[in-house]
Amino acid sequence: MAARARNERRFPQWEGLPDGGRRYWRIIRGATAGYARYVKVVGADEATLSIVQEIYDADGRLIATHEKFPVDTGHKRVVVSRGG
């Protein structure tokens, strides 16, 4: 399957889902700190269901998300509790 081979090449990590689809992801390090994780969810036929960018700070805390597909919703800040 060409789409599966292309997804595996572009997204080195993946896991199978109960419905036969897959969740692919890749991590891109930030220039100075933190990283972005791109998550792509596909159905059993490898058709794209969603693509989300997750932004993490230098401590590995999720600070923002950006849904890119099926609808581009823009960046959304994640509220982080500072309690201890």
PDB file of N, CA and C in Angstrom:
ATOM      1  N   MET A   1       0.848  -1.176   0.000  1.00  0.00           N
ATOM      2  CA  MET A   1       0.000   0.000   0.000  1.00  0.00           C
ATOM      3  C   MET A   1       0.897   1.244   0.000  1.00  0.00           C
ATOM      4  N   ALA A   2       0.787   2.058  -1.017  1.00  0.00           N
ATOM      5  CA  ALA A   2       1.650   3.225  -1.190  1.00  0.00           C
ATOM      6  C   ALA A   2       1.458   4.258  -0.090  1.00  0.00           C
ATOM      7  N   ALA A   3       0.222   4.504   0.308  1.00  0.00           N
ATOM      8  CA  ALA A   3      -0.045   5.508   1.338  1.00  0.00           C
ATOM      9  C   ALA A   3       0.568   5.089   2.673  1.00  0.00           C
ATOM     10  N   ARG A   4       0.482   3.820   2.998  1.00  0.00           N
ATOM     11  CA  ARG A   4       1.052   3.345   4.267  1.00  0.00           C
ATOM     12  C   ARG A   4       2.567   3.495   4.261  1.00  0.00           C
ATOM     13  N   ALA A   5       3.213   3.135   3.169  1.00  0.00           N
ATOM     14  CA  ALA A   5       4.674   3.266   3.066  1.00  0.00           C
ATOM     15  C   ALA A   5       5.084   4.733   3.173  1.00  0.00           C
ATOM     16  N   ARG A   6       4.336   5.618   2.551  1.00  0.00           N
ATOM     17  CA  ARG A   6       4.635   7.055   2.614  1.00  0.00           C
ATOM     18  C   ARG A   6       4.454   7.582   4.038  1.00  0.00           C
ATOM     19  N   ASN A   7       3.377   7.184   4.710  1.00  0.00           N
ATOM     20  CA  ASN A   7       3.155   7.612   6.092  1.00  0.00           C
ATOM     21  C   ASN A   7       4.248   7.090   7.015  1.00  0.00           C
ATOM     22  N   GLU A   8       4.654   5.837   6.838  1.00  0.00           N
ATOM     23  CA  GLU A   8       5.712   5.269   7.679  1.00  0.00           C
ATOM     24  C   GLU A   8       7.046   5.970   7.437  1.00  0.00           C
ATOM     25  N   ARG A   9       7.272   6.434   6.232  1.00  0.00           N
ATOM     26  CA  ARG A   9       8.514   7.151   5.917  1.00  0.00           C
ATOM     27  C   ARG A   9       8.502   8.549   6.546  1.00  0.00           C
ATOM     28  N   ARG A  10       7.372   9.228   6.476  1.00  0.00           N
ATOM     29  CA  ARG A  10       7.267  10.596   6.994  1.00  0.00           C
ATOM     30  C   ARG A  10       7.102  10.655   8.508  1.00  0.00           C
ATOM     31  N   PHE A  11       6.494   9.643   9.083  1.00  0.00           N
ATOM     32  CA  PHE A  11       6.223   9.601  10.523  1.00  0.00           C
ATOM     33  C   PHE A  11       6.840   8.330  11.092  1.00  0.00           C
ATOM     34  N   PRO A  12       8.042   8.431  11.665  1.00  0.00           N
ATOM     35  CA  PRO A  12       8.771   7.241  12.093  1.00  0.00           C
ATOM     36  C   PRO A  12       8.106   6.434  13.213  1.00  0.00           C
ATOM     37  N   GLN A  13       7.307   7.069  14.062  1.00  0.00           N
ATOM     38  CA  GLN A  13       6.634   6.350  15.133  1.00  0.00           C
ATOM     39  C   GLN A  13       5.162   6.189  14.774  1.00  0.00           C
ATOM     40  N   TRP A  14       4.613   5.030  15.119  1.00  0.00           N
ATOM     41  CA  TRP A  14       3.189   4.813  14.898  1.00  0.00           C
ATOM     42  C   TRP A  14       2.700   3.694  15.797  1.00  0.00           C
ATOM     43  N   GLU A  15       1.362   3.682  15.982  1.00  0.00           N
ATOM     44  CA  GLU A  15       0.719   2.604  16.722  1.00  0.00           C
ATOM     45  C   GLU A  15      -0.590   2.250  16.030  1.00  0.00           C
ATOM     46  N   GLY A  16      -0.952   0.989  16.092  1.00  0.00           N
ATOM     47  CA  GLY A  16      -2.210   0.541  15.524  1.00  0.00           C
ATOM     48  C   GLY A  16      -3.371   0.922  16.426  1.00  0.00           C
ATOM     49  N   LEU A  17      -4.512   1.196  15.824  1.00  0.00           N
ATOM     50  CA  LEU A  17      -5.723   1.535  16.568  1.00  0.00           C
ATOM     51  C   LEU A  17      -6.707   0.372  16.483  1.00  0.00           C
ATOM     52  N   PRO A  18      -7.623   0.254  17.425  1.00  0.00           N
ATOM     53  CA  PRO A  18      -8.565  -0.877  17.451  1.00  0.00           C
ATOM     54  C   PRO A  18      -9.412  -1.007  16.181  1.00  0.00           C
ATOM     55  N   ASP A  19      -9.685   0.115  15.503  1.00  0.00           N
ATOM     56  CA  ASP A  19     -10.527   0.073  14.300  1.00  0.00           C
ATOM     57  C   ASP A  19      -9.738  -0.264  13.039  1.00  0.00           C
ATOM     58  N   GLY A  20      -8.451  -0.600  13.182  1.00  0.00           N
ATOM     59  CA  GLY A  20      -7.631  -0.938  12.020  1.00  0.00           C
ATOM     60  C   GLY A  20      -6.841   0.241  11.479  1.00  0.00           C
ATOM     61  N   GLY A  21      -7.123   1.429  11.977  1.00  0.00           N
ATOM     62  CA  GLY A  21      -6.378   2.610  11.557  1.00  0.00           C
ATOM     63  C   GLY A  21      -5.051   2.692  12.287  1.00  0.00           C
ATOM     64  N   ARG A  22      -4.384   3.803  12.114  1.00  0.00           N
ATOM     65  CA  ARG A  22      -3.104   4.021  12.771  1.00  0.00           C
ATOM     66  C   ARG A  22      -2.987   5.454  13.254  1.00  0.00           C
ATOM     67  N   ARG A  23      -2.184   5.642  14.305  1.00  0.00           N
ATOM     68  CA  ARG A  23      -1.814   6.969  14.786  1.00  0.00           C
ATOM     69  C   ARG A  23      -0.317   7.097  14.551  1.00  0.00           C
ATOM     70  N   TYR A  24       0.055   8.022  13.670  1.00  0.00           N
ATOM     71  CA  TYR A  24       1.460   8.285  13.364  1.00  0.00           C
ATOM     72  C   TYR A  24       1.887   9.555  14.078  1.00  0.00           C
ATOM     73  N   TRP A  25       3.178   9.660  14.433  1.00  0.00           N
ATOM     74  CA  TRP A  25       3.681  10.921  14.974  1.00  0.00           C
ATOM     75  C   TRP A  25       5.167  11.059  14.715  1.00  0.00           C
ATOM     76  N   ARG A  26       5.590  12.308  14.728  1.00  0.00           N
ATOM     77  CA  ARG A  26       7.010  12.641  14.613  1.00  0.00           C
ATOM     78  C   ARG A  26       7.284  13.843  15.492  1.00  0.00           C
ATOM     79  N   ILE A  27       8.518  13.946  15.974  1.00  0.00           N
ATOM     80  CA  ILE A  27       8.915  15.027  16.868  1.00  0.00           C
ATOM     81  C   ILE A  27       9.963  15.883  16.174  1.00  0.00           C
ATOM     82  N   ILE A  28       9.738  17.193  16.220  1.00  0.00           N
ATOM     83  CA  ILE A  28      10.666  18.169  15.652  1.00  0.00           C
ATOM     84  C   ILE A  28      11.170  19.030  16.811  1.00  0.00           C
ATOM     85  N   ARG A  29      12.467  19.011  17.045  1.00  0.00           N
ATOM     86  CA  ARG A  29      13.072  19.801  18.123  1.00  0.00           C
ATOM     87  C   ARG A  29      13.017  21.283  17.796  1.00  0.00           C
ATOM     88  N   GLY A  30      12.803  22.109  18.822  1.00  0.00           N
ATOM     89  CA  GLY A  30      12.811  23.554  18.661  1.00  0.00           C
ATOM     90  C   GLY A  30      14.229  24.063  18.479  1.00  0.00           C
ATOM     91  N   ALA A  31      14.363  25.255  17.926  1.00  0.00           N
ATOM     92  CA  ALA A  31      15.688  25.834  17.681  1.00  0.00           C
ATOM     93  C   ALA A  31      16.431  26.108  18.981  1.00  0.00           C
ATOM     94  N   THR A  32      15.720  26.519  20.023  1.00  0.00           N
ATOM     95  CA  THR A  32      16.386  26.825  21.289  1.00  0.00           C
ATOM     96  C   THR A  32      15.908  25.941  22.428  1.00  0.00           C
ATOM     97  N   ALA A  33      14.647  25.580  22.445  1.00  0.00           N
ATOM     98  CA  ALA A  33      14.108  24.750  23.529  1.00  0.00           C
ATOM     99  C   ALA A  33      12.766  24.169  23.092  1.00  0.00           C
ATOM    100  N   GLY A  34      12.339  23.143  23.780  1.00  0.00           N
ATOM    101  CA  GLY A  34      11.039  22.546  23.502  1.00  0.00           C
ATOM    102  C   GLY A  34      11.014  21.776  22.198  1.00  0.00           C
ATOM    103  N   TYR A  35       9.813  21.358  21.822  1.00  0.00           N
ATOM    104  CA  TYR A  35       9.649  20.602  20.583  1.00  0.00           C
ATOM    105  C   TYR A  35       8.190  20.625  20.141  1.00  0.00           C
ATOM    106  N   ALA A  36       7.982  20.254  18.894  1.00  0.00           N
ATOM    107  CA  ALA A  36       6.637  20.098  18.350  1.00  0.00           C
ATOM    108  C   ALA A  36       6.446  18.625  18.011  1.00  0.00           C
ATOM    109  N   ARG A  37       5.270  18.113  18.281  1.00  0.00           N
ATOM    110  CA  ARG A  37       4.933  16.743  17.920  1.00  0.00           C
ATOM    111  C   ARG A  37       3.769  16.816  16.945  1.00  0.00           C
ATOM    112  N   TYR A  38       3.948  16.237  15.765  1.00  0.00           N
ATOM    113  CA  TYR A  38       2.903  16.194  14.753  1.00  0.00           C
ATOM    114  C   TYR A  38       2.243  14.826  14.813  1.00  0.00           C
ATOM    115  N   VAL A  39       0.922  14.797  14.985  1.00  0.00           N
ATOM    116  CA  VAL A  39       0.172  13.558  15.130  1.00  0.00           C
ATOM    117  C   VAL A  39      -0.819  13.461  13.976  1.00  0.00           C
ATOM    118  N   LYS A  40      -0.738  12.355  13.242  1.00  0.00           N
ATOM    119  CA  LYS A  40      -1.637  12.107  12.115  1.00  0.00           C
ATOM    120  C   LYS A  40      -2.408  10.825  12.392  1.00  0.00           C
ATOM    121  N   VAL A  41      -3.732  10.897  12.344  1.00  0.00           N
ATOM    122  CA  VAL A  41      -4.583   9.725  12.552  1.00  0.00           C
ATOM    123  C   VAL A  41      -5.218   9.366  11.216  1.00  0.00           C
ATOM    124  N   VAL A  42      -5.092   8.088  10.851  1.00  0.00           N
ATOM    125  CA  VAL A  42      -5.660   7.610   9.594  1.00  0.00           C
ATOM    126  C   VAL A  42      -6.584   6.437   9.865  1.00  0.00           C
ATOM    127  N   GLY A  43      -7.524   6.227   8.957  1.00  0.00           N
ATOM    128  CA  GLY A  43      -8.421   5.089   9.043  1.00  0.00           C
ATOM    129  C   GLY A  43      -7.750   3.833   8.514  1.00  0.00           C
ATOM    130  N   ALA A  44      -8.475   2.719   8.513  1.00  0.00           N
ATOM    131  CA  ALA A  44      -7.936   1.448   8.049  1.00  0.00           C
ATOM    132  C   ALA A  44      -7.490   1.509   6.594  1.00  0.00           C
ATOM    133  N   ASP A  45      -8.089   2.401   5.809  1.00  0.00           N
ATOM    134  CA  ASP A  45      -7.727   2.557   4.398  1.00  0.00           C
ATOM    135  C   ASP A  45      -6.622   3.597   4.195  1.00  0.00           C
ATOM    136  N   GLU A  46      -6.015   4.071   5.308  1.00  0.00           N
ATOM    137  CA  GLU A  46      -4.952   5.080   5.315  1.00  0.00           C
ATOM    138  C   GLU A  46      -5.434   6.475   4.903  1.00  0.00           C
ATOM    139  N   ALA A  47      -6.743   6.689   4.843  1.00  0.00           N
ATOM    140  CA  ALA A  47      -7.274   8.025   4.578  1.00  0.00           C
ATOM    141  C   ALA A  47      -7.099   8.866   5.840  1.00  0.00           C
ATOM    142  N   THR A  48      -6.612  10.088   5.690  1.00  0.00           N
ATOM    143  CA  THR A  48      -6.336  10.960   6.825  1.00  0.00           C
ATOM    144  C   THR A  48      -7.633  11.396   7.505  1.00  0.00           C
ATOM    145  N   LEU A  49      -7.699  11.204   8.831  1.00  0.00           N
ATOM    146  CA  LEU A  49      -8.843  11.631   9.624  1.00  0.00           C
ATOM    147  C   LEU A  49      -8.543  12.925  10.367  1.00  0.00           C
ATOM    148  N   SER A  50      -7.308  13.081  10.849  1.00  0.00           N
ATOM    149  CA  SER A  50      -6.936  14.315  11.533  1.00  0.00           C
ATOM    150  C   SER A  50      -5.419  14.484  11.558  1.00  0.00           C
ATOM    151  N   ILE A  51      -5.004  15.747  11.639  1.00  0.00           N
ATOM    152  CA  ILE A  51      -3.602  16.105  11.829  1.00  0.00           C
ATOM    153  C   ILE A  51      -3.588  17.205  12.886  1.00  0.00           C
ATOM    154  N   VAL A  52      -2.791  16.993  13.934  1.00  0.00           N
ATOM    155  CA  VAL A  52      -2.697  17.953  15.032  1.00  0.00           C
ATOM    156  C   VAL A  52      -1.227  18.197  15.339  1.00  0.00           C
ATOM    157  N   GLN A  53      -0.879  19.471  15.555  1.00  0.00           N
ATOM    158  CA  GLN A  53       0.450  19.847  16.010  1.00  0.00           C
ATOM    159  C   GLN A  53       0.344  20.130  17.502  1.00  0.00           C
ATOM    160  N   GLU A  54       1.215  19.500  18.288  1.00  0.00           N
ATOM    161  CA  GLU A  54       1.274  19.737  19.726  1.00  0.00           C
ATOM    162  C   GLU A  54       2.597  20.435  20.028  1.00  0.00           C
ATOM    163  N   ILE A  55       2.560  21.510  20.796  1.00  0.00           N
ATOM    164  CA  ILE A  55       3.755  22.276  21.141  1.00  0.00           C
ATOM    165  C   ILE A  55       4.081  22.025  22.616  1.00  0.00           C
ATOM    166  N   TYR A  56       5.328  21.640  22.886  1.00  0.00           N
ATOM    167  CA  TYR A  56       5.786  21.354  24.240  1.00  0.00           C
ATOM    168  C   TYR A  56       6.901  22.315  24.618  1.00  0.00           C
ATOM    169  N   ASP A  57       6.954  22.679  25.909  1.00  0.00           N
ATOM    170  CA  ASP A  57       8.021  23.573  26.376  1.00  0.00           C
ATOM    171  C   ASP A  57       9.280  22.758  26.682  1.00  0.00           C
ATOM    172  N   ALA A  58      10.304  23.432  27.184  1.00  0.00           N
ATOM    173  CA  ALA A  58      11.590  22.786  27.472  1.00  0.00           C
ATOM    174  C   ALA A  58      11.487  21.711  28.546  1.00  0.00           C
ATOM    175  N   ASP A  59      10.455  21.790  29.385  1.00  0.00           N
ATOM    176  CA  ASP A  59      10.253  20.794  30.442  1.00  0.00           C
ATOM    177  C   ASP A  59       9.349  19.641  30.004  1.00  0.00           C
ATOM    178  N   GLY A  60       8.945  19.635  28.743  1.00  0.00           N
ATOM    179  CA  GLY A  60       8.107  18.567  28.226  1.00  0.00           C
ATOM    180  C   GLY A  60       6.626  18.716  28.523  1.00  0.00           C
ATOM    181  N   ARG A  61       6.197  19.919  28.931  1.00  0.00           N
ATOM    182  CA  ARG A  61       4.776  20.172  29.197  1.00  0.00           C
ATOM    183  C   ARG A  61       4.092  20.667  27.937  1.00  0.00           C
ATOM    184  N   LEU A  62       2.919  20.125  27.659  1.00  0.00           N
ATOM    185  CA  LEU A  62       2.116  20.572  26.524  1.00  0.00           C
ATOM    186  C   LEU A  62       1.653  21.999  26.786  1.00  0.00           C
ATOM    187  N   ILE A  63       1.950  22.919  25.862  1.00  0.00           N
ATOM    188  CA  ILE A  63       1.553  24.314  26.081  1.00  0.00           C
ATOM    189  C   ILE A  63       0.564  24.825  25.029  1.00  0.00           C
ATOM    190  N   ALA A  64       0.487  24.160  23.862  1.00  0.00           N
ATOM    191  CA  ALA A  64      -0.454  24.599  22.827  1.00  0.00           C
ATOM    192  C   ALA A  64      -0.716  23.455  21.859  1.00  0.00           C
ATOM    193  N   THR A  65      -1.885  23.511  21.225  1.00  0.00           N
ATOM    194  CA  THR A  65      -2.218  22.571  20.152  1.00  0.00           C
ATOM    195  C   THR A  65      -2.680  23.362  18.939  1.00  0.00           C
ATOM    196  N   HIS A  66      -2.566  22.735  17.783  1.00  0.00           N
ATOM    197  CA  HIS A  66      -3.005  23.366  16.546  1.00  0.00           C
ATOM    198  C   HIS A  66      -3.559  22.272  15.645  1.00  0.00           C
ATOM    199  N   GLU A  67      -4.899  22.191  15.568  1.00  0.00           N
ATOM    200  CA  GLU A  67      -5.530  21.241  14.655  1.00  0.00           C
ATOM    201  C   GLU A  67      -5.361  21.780  13.244  1.00  0.00           C
ATOM    202  N   LYS A  68      -4.791  20.983  12.360  1.00  0.00           N
ATOM    203  CA  LYS A  68      -4.538  21.422  10.991  1.00  0.00           C
ATOM    204  C   LYS A  68      -5.491  20.771   9.985  1.00  0.00           C
ATOM    205  N   PHE A  69      -6.032  19.595  10.305  1.00  0.00           N
ATOM    206  CA  PHE A  69      -6.933  18.889   9.407  1.00  0.00           C
ATOM    207  C   PHE A  69      -7.900  18.090  10.255  1.00  0.00           C
ATOM    208  N   PRO A  70      -9.164  18.048   9.989  1.00  0.00           N
ATOM    209  CA  PRO A  70      -9.855  18.452   8.777  1.00  0.00           C
ATOM    210  C   PRO A  70     -10.164  19.941   8.698  1.00  0.00           C
ATOM    211  N   VAL A  71     -10.144  20.646   9.851  1.00  0.00           N
ATOM    212  CA  VAL A  71     -10.386  22.087   9.850  1.00  0.00           C
ATOM    213  C   VAL A  71      -9.227  22.757  10.574  1.00  0.00           C
ATOM    214  N   ASP A  72      -8.629  23.765   9.953  1.00  0.00           N
ATOM    215  CA  ASP A  72      -7.529  24.485  10.583  1.00  0.00           C
ATOM    216  C   ASP A  72      -8.107  25.438  11.623  1.00  0.00           C
ATOM    217  N   THR A  73      -7.894  25.117  12.893  1.00  0.00           N
ATOM    218  CA  THR A  73      -8.474  25.906  13.974  1.00  0.00           C
ATOM    219  C   THR A  73      -7.492  26.906  14.576  1.00  0.00           C
ATOM    220  N   GLY A  74      -6.254  26.899  14.125  1.00  0.00           N
ATOM    221  CA  GLY A  74      -5.253  27.799  14.683  1.00  0.00           C
ATOM    222  C   GLY A  74      -4.725  27.287  16.013  1.00  0.00           C
ATOM    223  N   HIS A  75      -3.748  27.999  16.565  1.00  0.00           N
ATOM    224  CA  HIS A  75      -3.142  27.602  17.831  1.00  0.00           C
ATOM    225  C   HIS A  75      -4.096  27.868  18.993  1.00  0.00           C
ATOM    226  N   LYS A  76      -4.122  26.922  19.929  1.00  0.00           N
ATOM    227  CA  LYS A  76      -4.915  27.063  21.143  1.00  0.00           C
ATOM    228  C   LYS A  76      -4.003  26.781  22.319  1.00  0.00           C
ATOM    229  N   ARG A  77      -3.897  27.739  23.215  1.00  0.00           N
ATOM    230  CA  ARG A  77      -3.089  27.579  24.425  1.00  0.00           C
ATOM    231  C   ARG A  77      -3.725  26.531  25.335  1.00  0.00           C
ATOM    232  N   VAL A  78      -2.887  25.763  25.995  1.00  0.00           N
ATOM    233  CA  VAL A  78      -3.339  24.793  26.978  1.00  0.00           C
ATOM    234  C   VAL A  78      -3.088  25.403  28.355  1.00  0.00           C
ATOM    235  N   VAL A  79      -4.104  25.402  29.199  1.00  0.00           N
ATOM    236  CA  VAL A  79      -3.974  25.972  30.529  1.00  0.00           C
ATOM    237  C   VAL A  79      -3.207  24.963  31.392  1.00  0.00           C
ATOM    238  N   VAL A  80      -2.110  25.437  31.971  1.00  0.00           N
ATOM    239  CA  VAL A  80      -1.254  24.595  32.794  1.00  0.00           C
ATOM    240  C   VAL A  80      -1.436  24.978  34.254  1.00  0.00           C
ATOM    241  N   SER A  81      -1.747  23.994  35.060  1.00  0.00           N
ATOM    242  CA  SER A  81      -1.891  24.244  36.492  1.00  0.00           C
ATOM    243  C   SER A  81      -0.502  24.392  37.113  1.00  0.00           C
ATOM    244  N   ARG A  82      -0.313  25.413  37.896  1.00  0.00           N
ATOM    245  CA  ARG A  82       0.970  25.660  38.555  1.00  0.00           C
ATOM    246  C   ARG A  82       0.974  25.157  39.997  1.00  0.00           C
ATOM    247  N   GLY A  83      -0.059  24.410  40.375  1.00  0.00           N
ATOM    248  CA  GLY A  83      -0.170  23.919  41.759  1.00  0.00           C
ATOM    249  C   GLY A  83       0.911  22.914  42.098  1.00  0.00           C
ATOM    250  N   GLY A  84       1.131  22.656  43.343  1.00  0.00           N
ATOM    251  CA  GLY A  84       2.186  21.750  43.743  1.00  0.00           C
ATOM    252  C   GLY A  84       1.797  20.956  44.867  1.00  0.00           C
TER     253      GLY A  84
END
